[in-house]
PDB file of N, CA and C in Angstrom:
ATOM      1  N   MET A   1      -8.761   1.529  34.131  1.00  0.00           N
ATOM      2  CA  MET A   1      -7.487   1.446  33.744  1.00  0.00           C
ATOM      3  C   MET A   1      -7.918   0.331  33.043  1.00  0.00           C
ATOM      4  N   ASP A   2      -7.197   0.020  31.542  1.00  0.00           N
ATOM      5  CA  ASP A   2      -6.902  -0.405  30.874  1.00  0.00           C
ATOM      6  C   ASP A   2      -6.883  -2.482  31.796  1.00  0.00           C
ATOM      7  N   ARG A   3      -7.499  -2.988  30.891  1.00  0.00           N
ATOM      8  CA  ARG A   3      -7.444  -5.064  31.667  1.00  0.00           C
ATOM      9  C   ARG A   3      -6.807  -5.504  31.127  1.00  0.00           C
ATOM     10  N   ALA A   4      -5.684  -5.101  30.483  1.00  0.00           N
ATOM     11  CA  ALA A   4      -4.391  -5.501  30.490  1.00  0.00           C
ATOM     12  C   ALA A   4      -3.645  -4.833  31.400  1.00  0.00           C
ATOM     13  N   LEU A   5      -3.662  -4.010  31.336  1.00  0.00           N
ATOM     14  CA  LEU A   5      -2.436  -3.341  32.916  1.00  0.00           C
ATOM     15  C   LEU A   5      -3.155  -3.943  34.043  1.00  0.00           C
ATOM     16  N   SER A   6      -4.283  -4.484  34.526  1.00  0.00           N
ATOM     17  CA  SER A   6      -4.232  -4.053  35.975  1.00  0.00           C
ATOM     18  C   SER A   6      -4.120  -5.423  36.641  1.00  0.00           C
ATOM     19  N   GLY A   7      -3.127  -5.225  38.074  1.00  0.00           N
ATOM     20  CA  GLY A   7      -2.637  -6.485  38.571  1.00  0.00           C
ATOM     21  C   GLY A   7      -3.712  -7.335  38.510  1.00  0.00           C
ATOM     22  N   GLY A   8      -4.384  -7.743  38.130  1.00  0.00           N
ATOM     23  CA  GLY A   8      -5.057  -9.260  37.627  1.00  0.00           C
ATOM     24  C   GLY A   8      -4.918 -10.144  36.724  1.00  0.00           C
ATOM     25  N   GLU A   9      -4.380  -9.228  35.813  1.00  0.00           N
ATOM     26  CA  GLU A   9      -4.589  -9.819  33.910  1.00  0.00           C
ATOM     27  C   GLU A   9      -2.703  -9.908  34.453  1.00  0.00           C
ATOM     28  N   ARG A  10      -1.073  -9.240  35.616  1.00  0.00           N
ATOM     29  CA  ARG A  10      -0.134  -9.579  34.953  1.00  0.00           C
ATOM     30  C   ARG A  10       0.575 -10.664  35.182  1.00  0.00           C
ATOM     31  N   GLY A  11       0.213 -11.804  35.711  1.00  0.00           N
ATOM     32  CA  GLY A  11       0.848 -13.040  36.177  1.00  0.00           C
ATOM     33  C   GLY A  11       2.441 -12.353  36.468  1.00  0.00           C
ATOM     34  N   SER A  12       2.974 -13.329  36.720  1.00  0.00           N
ATOM     35  CA  SER A  12       4.405 -13.104  37.289  1.00  0.00           C
ATOM     36  C   SER A  12       5.312 -13.234  35.597  1.00  0.00           C
ATOM     37  N   ALA A  13       6.297 -12.640  36.255  1.00  0.00           N
ATOM     38  CA  ALA A  13       7.246 -13.114  35.380  1.00  0.00           C
ATOM     39  C   ALA A  13       7.218 -13.541  34.777  1.00  0.00           C
ATOM     40  N   GLU A  14       7.416 -15.212  35.483  1.00  0.00           N
ATOM     41  CA  GLU A  14       7.935 -16.626  34.795  1.00  0.00           C
ATOM     42  C   GLU A  14       6.547 -16.992  34.217  1.00  0.00           C
ATOM     43  N   THR A  15       5.282 -16.655  34.733  1.00  0.00           N
ATOM     44  CA  THR A  15       4.243 -16.220  33.346  1.00  0.00           C
ATOM     45  C   THR A  15       4.546 -15.955  31.921  1.00  0.00           C
ATOM     46  N   HIS A  16       5.337 -15.464  32.013  1.00  0.00           N
ATOM     47  CA  HIS A  16       5.442 -14.370  30.619  1.00  0.00           C
ATOM     48  C   HIS A  16       6.505 -15.278  30.135  1.00  0.00           C
ATOM     49  N   SER A  17       7.270 -15.585  30.513  1.00  0.00           N
ATOM     50  CA  SER A  17       8.157 -16.245  29.786  1.00  0.00           C
ATOM     51  C   SER A  17       8.402 -17.833  29.040  1.00  0.00           C
ATOM     52  N   THR A  18       7.042 -17.777  29.828  1.00  0.00           N
ATOM     53  CA  THR A  18       6.851 -19.492  28.983  1.00  0.00           C
ATOM     54  C   THR A  18       5.362 -19.780  28.436  1.00  0.00           C
ATOM     55  N   THR A  19       4.965 -18.287  28.424  1.00  0.00           N
ATOM     56  CA  THR A  19       3.142 -17.476  27.351  1.00  0.00           C
ATOM     57  C   THR A  19       3.977 -17.272  26.303  1.00  0.00           C
ATOM     58  N   PRO A  20       4.390 -17.528  24.917  1.00  0.00           N
ATOM     59  CA  PRO A  20       4.578 -17.052  24.155  1.00  0.00           C
ATOM     60  C   PRO A  20       3.157 -15.882  23.438  1.00  0.00           C
ATOM     61  N   PRO A  21       3.414 -14.347  22.851  1.00  0.00           N
ATOM     62  CA  PRO A  21       2.894 -13.512  22.943  1.00  0.00           C
ATOM     63  C   PRO A  21       1.815 -14.223  21.889  1.00  0.00           C
ATOM     64  N   PRO A  22       0.481 -13.656  22.000  1.00  0.00           N
ATOM     65  CA  PRO A  22      -0.555 -14.548  20.534  1.00  0.00           C
ATOM     66  C   PRO A  22      -0.165 -14.286  19.614  1.00  0.00           C
ATOM     67  N   PRO A  23       0.283 -14.720  18.240  1.00  0.00           N
ATOM     68  CA  PRO A  23       1.100 -14.560  17.006  1.00  0.00           C
ATOM     69  C   PRO A  23      -0.342 -14.277  15.883  1.00  0.00           C
ATOM     70  N   HIS A  24      -1.053 -13.717  16.223  1.00  0.00           N
ATOM     71  CA  HIS A  24      -2.178 -13.047  15.614  1.00  0.00           C
ATOM     72  C   HIS A  24      -2.471 -11.589  16.359  1.00  0.00           C
ATOM     73  N   GLY A  25      -1.456 -10.873  17.138  1.00  0.00           N
ATOM     74  CA  GLY A  25      -2.469  -9.522  17.143  1.00  0.00           C
ATOM     75  C   GLY A  25      -3.347  -9.172  17.776  1.00  0.00           C
ATOM     76  N   LEU A  26      -3.599 -10.337  18.841  1.00  0.00           N
ATOM     77  CA  LEU A  26      -4.571 -10.166  19.279  1.00  0.00           C
ATOM     78  C   LEU A  26      -4.417  -9.318  20.866  1.00  0.00           C
ATOM     79  N   ASP A  27      -4.866  -8.929  21.536  1.00  0.00           N
ATOM     80  CA  ASP A  27      -4.863  -8.941  22.959  1.00  0.00           C
ATOM     81  C   ASP A  27      -5.198 -10.061  24.104  1.00  0.00           C
ATOM     82  N   SER A  28      -3.361 -10.542  24.414  1.00  0.00           N
ATOM     83  CA  SER A  28      -3.948 -11.901  25.108  1.00  0.00           C
ATOM     84  C   SER A  28      -4.716 -11.952  26.343  1.00  0.00           C
ATOM     85  N   PRO A  29      -4.727 -10.665  27.353  1.00  0.00           N
ATOM     86  CA  PRO A  29      -5.674 -10.717  28.077  1.00  0.00           C
ATOM     87  C   PRO A  29      -6.958 -10.255  27.927  1.00  0.00           C
ATOM     88  N   ARG A  30      -7.332  -9.548  26.814  1.00  0.00           N
ATOM     89  CA  ARG A  30      -8.661  -9.187  26.786  1.00  0.00           C
ATOM     90  C   ARG A  30      -9.257 -10.949  25.423  1.00  0.00           C
ATOM     91  N   LEU A  31      -8.544 -11.609  24.993  1.00  0.00           N
ATOM     92  CA  LEU A  31      -9.208 -12.605  24.816  1.00  0.00           C
ATOM     93  C   LEU A  31      -9.371 -13.448  25.749  1.00  0.00           C
ATOM     94  N   ARG A  32      -8.241 -13.771  27.042  1.00  0.00           N
ATOM     95  CA  ARG A  32      -8.889 -14.718  28.228  1.00  0.00           C
ATOM     96  C   ARG A  32     -10.117 -13.817  28.708  1.00  0.00           C
ATOM     97  N   SER A  33     -10.618 -12.499  28.713  1.00  0.00           N
ATOM     98  CA  SER A  33     -11.154 -11.915  29.462  1.00  0.00           C
ATOM     99  C   SER A  33     -12.796 -12.437  28.827  1.00  0.00           C
ATOM    100  N   LEU A  34     -12.828 -12.558  27.719  1.00  0.00           N
ATOM    101  CA  LEU A  34     -14.096 -12.955  26.516  1.00  0.00           C
ATOM    102  C   LEU A  34     -14.293 -13.950  26.858  1.00  0.00           C
ATOM    103  N   LEU A  35     -13.353 -14.863  26.765  1.00  0.00           N
ATOM    104  CA  LEU A  35     -13.693 -16.536  26.800  1.00  0.00           C
ATOM    105  C   LEU A  35     -14.482 -16.998  28.463  1.00  0.00           C
ATOM    106  N   GLN A  36     -13.447 -15.779  29.165  1.00  0.00           N
ATOM    107  CA  GLN A  36     -14.042 -16.182  31.319  1.00  0.00           C
ATOM    108  C   GLN A  36     -15.316 -15.426  30.947  1.00  0.00           C
ATOM    109  N   GLY A  37     -16.380 -15.040  30.013  1.00  0.00           N
ATOM    110  CA  GLY A  37     -17.681 -13.945  30.454  1.00  0.00           C
ATOM    111  C   GLY A  37     -16.821 -13.127  30.973  1.00  0.00           C
ATOM    112  N   GLU A  38     -15.858 -11.869  31.158  1.00  0.00           N
ATOM    113  CA  GLU A  38     -15.874 -11.660  31.606  1.00  0.00           C
ATOM    114  C   GLU A  38     -15.396 -10.374  30.691  1.00  0.00           C
ATOM    115  N   LEU A  39     -15.664 -10.333  29.681  1.00  0.00           N
ATOM    116  CA  LEU A  39     -15.808  -9.661  28.319  1.00  0.00           C
ATOM    117  C   LEU A  39     -16.810  -9.892  27.877  1.00  0.00           C
ATOM    118  N   SER A  40     -17.326  -9.096  26.826  1.00  0.00           N
ATOM    119  CA  SER A  40     -18.659  -9.364  26.057  1.00  0.00           C
ATOM    120  C   SER A  40     -17.769  -9.177  24.696  1.00  0.00           C
ATOM    121  N   PRO A  41     -18.452 -10.324  23.545  1.00  0.00           N
ATOM    122  CA  PRO A  41     -18.128 -10.110  22.691  1.00  0.00           C
ATOM    123  C   PRO A  41     -18.268  -8.882  21.980  1.00  0.00           C
ATOM    124  N   ARG A  42     -18.893  -8.417  21.453  1.00  0.00           N
ATOM    125  CA  ARG A  42     -19.401  -6.532  21.523  1.00  0.00           C
ATOM    126  C   ARG A  42     -17.657  -6.086  21.752  1.00  0.00           C
ATOM    127  N   ALA A  43     -17.785  -5.856  22.587  1.00  0.00           N
ATOM    128  CA  ALA A  43     -16.442  -5.222  23.655  1.00  0.00           C
ATOM    129  C   ALA A  43     -15.614  -5.617  22.516  1.00  0.00           C
ATOM    130  N   LEU A  44     -15.071  -6.559  22.179  1.00  0.00           N
ATOM    131  CA  LEU A  44     -13.606  -7.248  21.884  1.00  0.00           C
ATOM    132  C   LEU A  44     -13.571  -6.524  20.725  1.00  0.00           C
ATOM    133  N   ALA A  45     -14.864  -7.621  19.499  1.00  0.00           N
ATOM    134  CA  ALA A  45     -14.817  -6.507  18.262  1.00  0.00           C
ATOM    135  C   ALA A  45     -15.121  -5.397  17.683  1.00  0.00           C
ATOM    136  N   PHE A  46     -14.977  -4.665  19.057  1.00  0.00           N
ATOM    137  CA  PHE A  46     -15.090  -2.839  18.720  1.00  0.00           C
ATOM    138  C   PHE A  46     -13.865  -2.529  19.284  1.00  0.00           C
ATOM    139  N   TRP A  47     -12.985  -3.648  20.267  1.00  0.00           N
ATOM    140  CA  TRP A  47     -11.149  -2.798  20.831  1.00  0.00           C
ATOM    141  C   TRP A  47     -10.500  -3.183  19.814  1.00  0.00           C
ATOM    142  N   ALA A  48     -11.158  -4.819  18.982  1.00  0.00           N
ATOM    143  CA  ALA A  48     -10.157  -5.130  17.742  1.00  0.00           C
ATOM    144  C   ALA A  48      -9.986  -4.030  15.920  1.00  0.00           C
ATOM    145  N   HIS A  49     -11.622  -3.236  15.926  1.00  0.00           N
ATOM    146  CA  HIS A  49     -11.795  -2.608  14.584  1.00  0.00           C
ATOM    147  C   HIS A  49     -10.669  -1.192  15.600  1.00  0.00           C
ATOM    148  N   ARG A  50     -11.322  -0.576  16.964  1.00  0.00           N
ATOM    149  CA  ARG A  50     -10.330   0.262  17.217  1.00  0.00           C
ATOM    150  C   ARG A  50      -8.907   0.413  16.865  1.00  0.00           C
ATOM    151  N   SER A  51      -8.578  -0.775  17.630  1.00  0.00           N
ATOM    152  CA  SER A  51      -7.212  -0.274  17.477  1.00  0.00           C
ATOM    153  C   SER A  51      -6.315  -1.227  15.797  1.00  0.00           C
ATOM    154  N   HIS A  52      -7.512  -1.946  15.628  1.00  0.00           N
ATOM    155  CA  HIS A  52      -6.129  -2.134  14.543  1.00  0.00           C
ATOM    156  C   HIS A  52      -7.332  -2.068  12.943  1.00  0.00           C
ATOM    157  N   GLY A  53      -8.078  -1.728  13.132  1.00  0.00           N
ATOM    158  CA  GLY A  53      -8.956  -1.057  11.812  1.00  0.00           C
ATOM    159  C   GLY A  53      -9.157  -2.339  11.075  1.00  0.00           C
ATOM    160  N   HIS A  54      -9.305  -2.890   9.900  1.00  0.00           N
ATOM    161  CA  HIS A  54      -9.808  -3.717   8.716  1.00  0.00           C
ATOM    162  C   HIS A  54      -8.407  -4.319   8.319  1.00  0.00           C
ATOM    163  N   GLU A  55      -7.207  -3.667   8.480  1.00  0.00           N
ATOM    164  CA  GLU A  55      -5.956  -3.565   7.443  1.00  0.00           C
ATOM    165  C   GLU A  55      -5.169  -5.024   8.487  1.00  0.00           C
ATOM    166  N   LEU A  56      -5.124  -5.263   9.953  1.00  0.00           N
ATOM    167  CA  LEU A  56      -4.507  -6.393  10.298  1.00  0.00           C
ATOM    168  C   LEU A  56      -5.667  -8.023   9.874  1.00  0.00           C
ATOM    169  N   PRO A  57      -4.693  -8.339   8.996  1.00  0.00           N
ATOM    170  CA  PRO A  57      -5.393  -9.320   8.467  1.00  0.00           C
ATOM    171  C   PRO A  57      -6.189 -10.740   9.319  1.00  0.00           C
ATOM    172  N   LEU A  58      -5.338 -10.607  10.861  1.00  0.00           N
ATOM    173  CA  LEU A  58      -6.339 -11.056  11.472  1.00  0.00           C
ATOM    174  C   LEU A  58      -7.257 -10.678  12.701  1.00  0.00           C
ATOM    175  N   THR A  59      -7.371  -9.323  12.044  1.00  0.00           N
ATOM    176  CA  THR A  59      -7.984  -8.904  13.146  1.00  0.00           C
ATOM    177  C   THR A  59      -9.757  -8.721  12.785  1.00  0.00           C
ATOM    178  N   ALA A  60      -9.062  -8.396  11.234  1.00  0.00           N
ATOM    179  CA  ALA A  60     -10.166  -7.213  10.281  1.00  0.00           C
ATOM    180  C   ALA A  60     -11.779  -8.481  10.145  1.00  0.00           C
ATOM    181  N   ARG A  61     -11.603  -9.710  10.207  1.00  0.00           N
ATOM    182  CA  ARG A  61     -13.265 -10.354  10.527  1.00  0.00           C
ATOM    183  C   ARG A  61     -12.982  -9.883  11.463  1.00  0.00           C
ATOM    184  N   LEU A  62     -12.919  -9.237  12.824  1.00  0.00           N
ATOM    185  CA  LEU A  62     -13.692  -8.563  14.740  1.00  0.00           C
ATOM    186  C   LEU A  62     -14.319  -7.461  13.545  1.00  0.00           C
ATOM    187  N   ALA A  63     -13.371  -6.653  12.778  1.00  0.00           N
ATOM    188  CA  ALA A  63     -14.081  -5.403  12.193  1.00  0.00           C
ATOM    189  C   ALA A  63     -15.260  -5.511  11.517  1.00  0.00           C
ATOM    190  N   GLU A  64     -15.294  -6.271  10.822  1.00  0.00           N
ATOM    191  CA  GLU A  64     -16.362  -6.860   9.763  1.00  0.00           C
ATOM    192  C   GLU A  64     -17.580  -6.619  11.384  1.00  0.00           C
ATOM    193  N   LEU A  65     -16.973  -7.764  11.551  1.00  0.00           N
ATOM    194  CA  LEU A  65     -18.580  -7.944  12.385  1.00  0.00           C
ATOM    195  C   LEU A  65     -18.979  -7.097  13.899  1.00  0.00           C
ATOM    196  N   ASP A  66     -18.015  -5.933  14.207  1.00  0.00           N
ATOM    197  CA  ASP A  66     -18.751  -5.053  15.235  1.00  0.00           C
ATOM    198  C   ASP A  66     -19.190  -3.852  13.988  1.00  0.00           C
ATOM    199  N   ASP A  67     -18.601  -3.463  12.671  1.00  0.00           N
ATOM    200  CA  ASP A  67     -19.777  -3.342  11.644  1.00  0.00           C
ATOM    201  C   ASP A  67     -21.158  -4.155  11.985  1.00  0.00           C
ATOM    202  N   ALA A  68     -20.606  -4.761  11.755  1.00  0.00           N
ATOM    203  CA  ALA A  68     -22.508  -6.123  11.534  1.00  0.00           C
ATOM    204  C   ALA A  68     -23.180  -5.403  12.802  1.00  0.00           C
ATOM    205  N   TYR A  69     -22.023  -5.307  14.314  1.00  0.00           N
ATOM    206  CA  TYR A  69     -23.177  -5.377  15.333  1.00  0.00           C
ATOM    207  C   TYR A  69     -24.172  -3.672  15.131  1.00  0.00           C
ATOM    208  N   ASP A  70     -23.174  -2.725  13.870  1.00  0.00           N
ATOM    209  CA  ASP A  70     -23.933  -1.478  13.641  1.00  0.00           C
ATOM    210  C   ASP A  70     -25.531  -1.543  13.286  1.00  0.00           C
ATOM    211  N   LEU A  71     -25.581  -2.578  12.102  1.00  0.00           N
ATOM    212  CA  LEU A  71     -26.021  -3.022  11.791  1.00  0.00           C
ATOM    213  C   LEU A  71     -27.219  -3.973  11.491  1.00  0.00           C
ATOM    214  N   THR A  72     -27.872  -4.226  13.043  1.00  0.00           N
ATOM    215  CA  THR A  72     -28.332  -5.399  12.435  1.00  0.00           C
ATOM    216  C   THR A  72     -29.778  -5.251  12.772  1.00  0.00           C
ATOM    217  N   GLU A  73     -30.418  -3.654  13.029  1.00  0.00           N
ATOM    218  CA  GLU A  73     -31.306  -4.117  12.832  1.00  0.00           C
ATOM    219  C   GLU A  73     -32.514  -3.514  11.525  1.00  0.00           C
ATOM    220  N   TYR A  74     -31.412  -3.714  10.189  1.00  0.00           N
ATOM    221  CA  TYR A  74     -30.812  -3.721   8.828  1.00  0.00           C
ATOM    222  C   TYR A  74     -30.431  -5.264   7.988  1.00  0.00           C
ATOM    223  N   GLY A  75     -29.888  -6.170   8.921  1.00  0.00           N
ATOM    224  CA  GLY A  75     -28.799  -6.688   8.431  1.00  0.00           C
ATOM    225  C   GLY A  75     -29.838  -7.959   8.355  1.00  0.00           C
ATOM    226  N   ASP A  76     -29.159  -9.524   8.107  1.00  0.00           N
ATOM    227  CA  ASP A  76     -29.985 -10.814   8.458  1.00  0.00           C
ATOM    228  C   ASP A  76     -29.182 -11.481   9.937  1.00  0.00           C
ATOM    229  N   SER A  77     -28.213 -10.696  11.172  1.00  0.00           N
ATOM    230  CA  SER A  77     -27.603 -11.174  11.799  1.00  0.00           C
ATOM    231  C   SER A  77     -28.067 -10.902  12.893  1.00  0.00           C
ATOM    232  N   THR A  78     -28.716 -11.618  14.021  1.00  0.00           N
ATOM    233  CA  THR A  78     -28.499 -11.007  15.164  1.00  0.00           C
ATOM    234  C   THR A  78     -27.812 -10.607  15.918  1.00  0.00           C
ATOM    235  N   LEU A  79     -28.011 -10.532  17.495  1.00  0.00           N
ATOM    236  CA  LEU A  79     -27.152 -10.598  17.803  1.00  0.00           C
ATOM    237  C   LEU A  79     -26.260 -11.645  18.640  1.00  0.00           C
ATOM    238  N   ALA A  80     -27.363 -12.457  19.469  1.00  0.00           N
ATOM    239  CA  ALA A  80     -26.987 -13.733  19.323  1.00  0.00           C
ATOM    240  C   ALA A  80     -25.427 -14.591  18.336  1.00  0.00           C
ATOM    241  N   GLU A  81     -26.125 -14.454  16.565  1.00  0.00           N
ATOM    242  CA  GLU A  81     -24.880 -14.896  15.913  1.00  0.00           C
ATOM    243  C   GLU A  81     -24.012 -14.350  15.905  1.00  0.00           C
ATOM    244  N   LEU A  82     -24.612 -12.802  16.229  1.00  0.00           N
ATOM    245  CA  LEU A  82     -22.437 -11.899  16.206  1.00  0.00           C
ATOM    246  C   LEU A  82     -22.040 -12.957  16.773  1.00  0.00           C
ATOM    247  N   ASP A  83     -22.624 -12.517  18.072  1.00  0.00           N
ATOM    248  CA  ASP A  83     -22.110 -13.007  19.846  1.00  0.00           C
ATOM    249  C   ASP A  83     -20.995 -14.019  19.756  1.00  0.00           C
ATOM    250  N   THR A  84     -21.484 -14.958  19.110  1.00  0.00           N
ATOM    251  CA  THR A  84     -21.478 -16.594  18.371  1.00  0.00           C
ATOM    252  C   THR A  84     -19.783 -16.273  17.973  1.00  0.00           C
ATOM    253  N   GLU A  85     -20.403 -16.084  16.532  1.00  0.00           N
ATOM    254  CA  GLU A  85     -18.946 -15.714  15.365  1.00  0.00           C
ATOM    255  C   GLU A  85     -17.802 -14.476  15.891  1.00  0.00           C
ATOM    256  N   VAL A  86     -18.226 -13.755  17.064  1.00  0.00           N
ATOM    257  CA  VAL A  86     -16.902 -12.989  17.631  1.00  0.00           C
ATOM    258  C   VAL A  86     -16.481 -14.459  18.367  1.00  0.00           C
ATOM    259  N   THR A  87     -17.158 -14.880  19.532  1.00  0.00           N
ATOM    260  CA  THR A  87     -16.548 -15.878  20.408  1.00  0.00           C
ATOM    261  C   THR A  87     -15.591 -17.163  19.707  1.00  0.00           C
ATOM    262  N   ALA A  88     -15.852 -17.198  18.348  1.00  0.00           N
ATOM    263  CA  ALA A  88     -15.827 -18.581  17.474  1.00  0.00           C
ATOM    264  C   ALA A  88     -14.472 -17.558  16.846  1.00  0.00           C
ATOM    265  N   GLU A  89     -13.527 -16.551  16.823  1.00  0.00           N
ATOM    266  CA  GLU A  89     -13.258 -15.785  16.205  1.00  0.00           C
ATOM    267  C   GLU A  89     -11.741 -15.908  17.883  1.00  0.00           C
ATOM    268  N   ALA A  90     -12.621 -15.520  18.232  1.00  0.00           N
ATOM    269  CA  ALA A  90     -11.401 -15.168  19.748  1.00  0.00           C
ATOM    270  C   ALA A  90     -10.747 -16.397  19.987  1.00  0.00           C
ATOM    271  N   ARG A  91     -11.905 -17.869  19.911  1.00  0.00           N
ATOM    272  CA  ARG A  91     -11.012 -18.834  20.003  1.00  0.00           C
ATOM    273  C   ARG A  91     -10.478 -19.153  18.782  1.00  0.00           C
ATOM    274  N   ARG A  92      -9.915 -19.031  18.032  1.00  0.00           N
ATOM    275  CA  ARG A  92      -9.362 -19.159  16.713  1.00  0.00           C
ATOM    276  C   ARG A  92      -7.786 -19.181  17.619  1.00  0.00           C
ATOM    277  N   PRO A  93      -7.416 -18.056  17.465  1.00  0.00           N
ATOM    278  CA  PRO A  93      -6.313 -18.096  18.271  1.00  0.00           C
ATOM    279  C   PRO A  93      -5.779 -18.491  19.503  1.00  0.00           C
ATOM    280  N   ALA A  94      -6.437 -18.457  20.324  1.00  0.00           N
ATOM    281  CA  ALA A  94      -6.653 -19.122  21.323  1.00  0.00           C
ATOM    282  C   ALA A  94      -6.005 -20.634  21.754  1.00  0.00           C
ATOM    283  N   ALA A  95      -6.682 -21.573  20.792  1.00  0.00           N
ATOM    284  CA  ALA A  95      -6.578 -22.893  19.956  1.00  0.00           C
ATOM    285  C   ALA A  95      -5.381 -22.822  19.026  1.00  0.00           C
ATOM    286  N   GLY A  96      -4.816 -22.090  18.697  1.00  0.00           N
ATOM    287  CA  GLY A  96      -3.296 -22.246  18.384  1.00  0.00           C
ATOM    288  C   GLY A  96      -3.612 -22.664  16.786  1.00  0.00           C
ATOM    289  N   SER A  97      -4.868 -22.254  16.440  1.00  0.00           N
ATOM    290  CA  SER A  97      -5.145 -22.129  14.644  1.00  0.00           C
ATOM    291  C   SER A  97      -4.859 -20.698  13.987  1.00  0.00           C
TER     292      SER A  97
END
């Protein structure tokens, strides 16, 4: 079942009414899961790429990073560097920037 629909991610109606949706098109429960260590950076990048492709400006960088994961043996980036960059991208909207 999708984490966004699981009972632990729903919250109360009060929580939903006081917490605005993220302005960037990313799924807030997925961001929380990543930042809490429950979802890997690669999984977030894959989801963003599959769900939004390269078209949505605020998730385009995550789509690029998902592509970069597939090219690590040929590129200059390591898995750890990509994980760090995906996490930084996830923190940007979470911080309100």
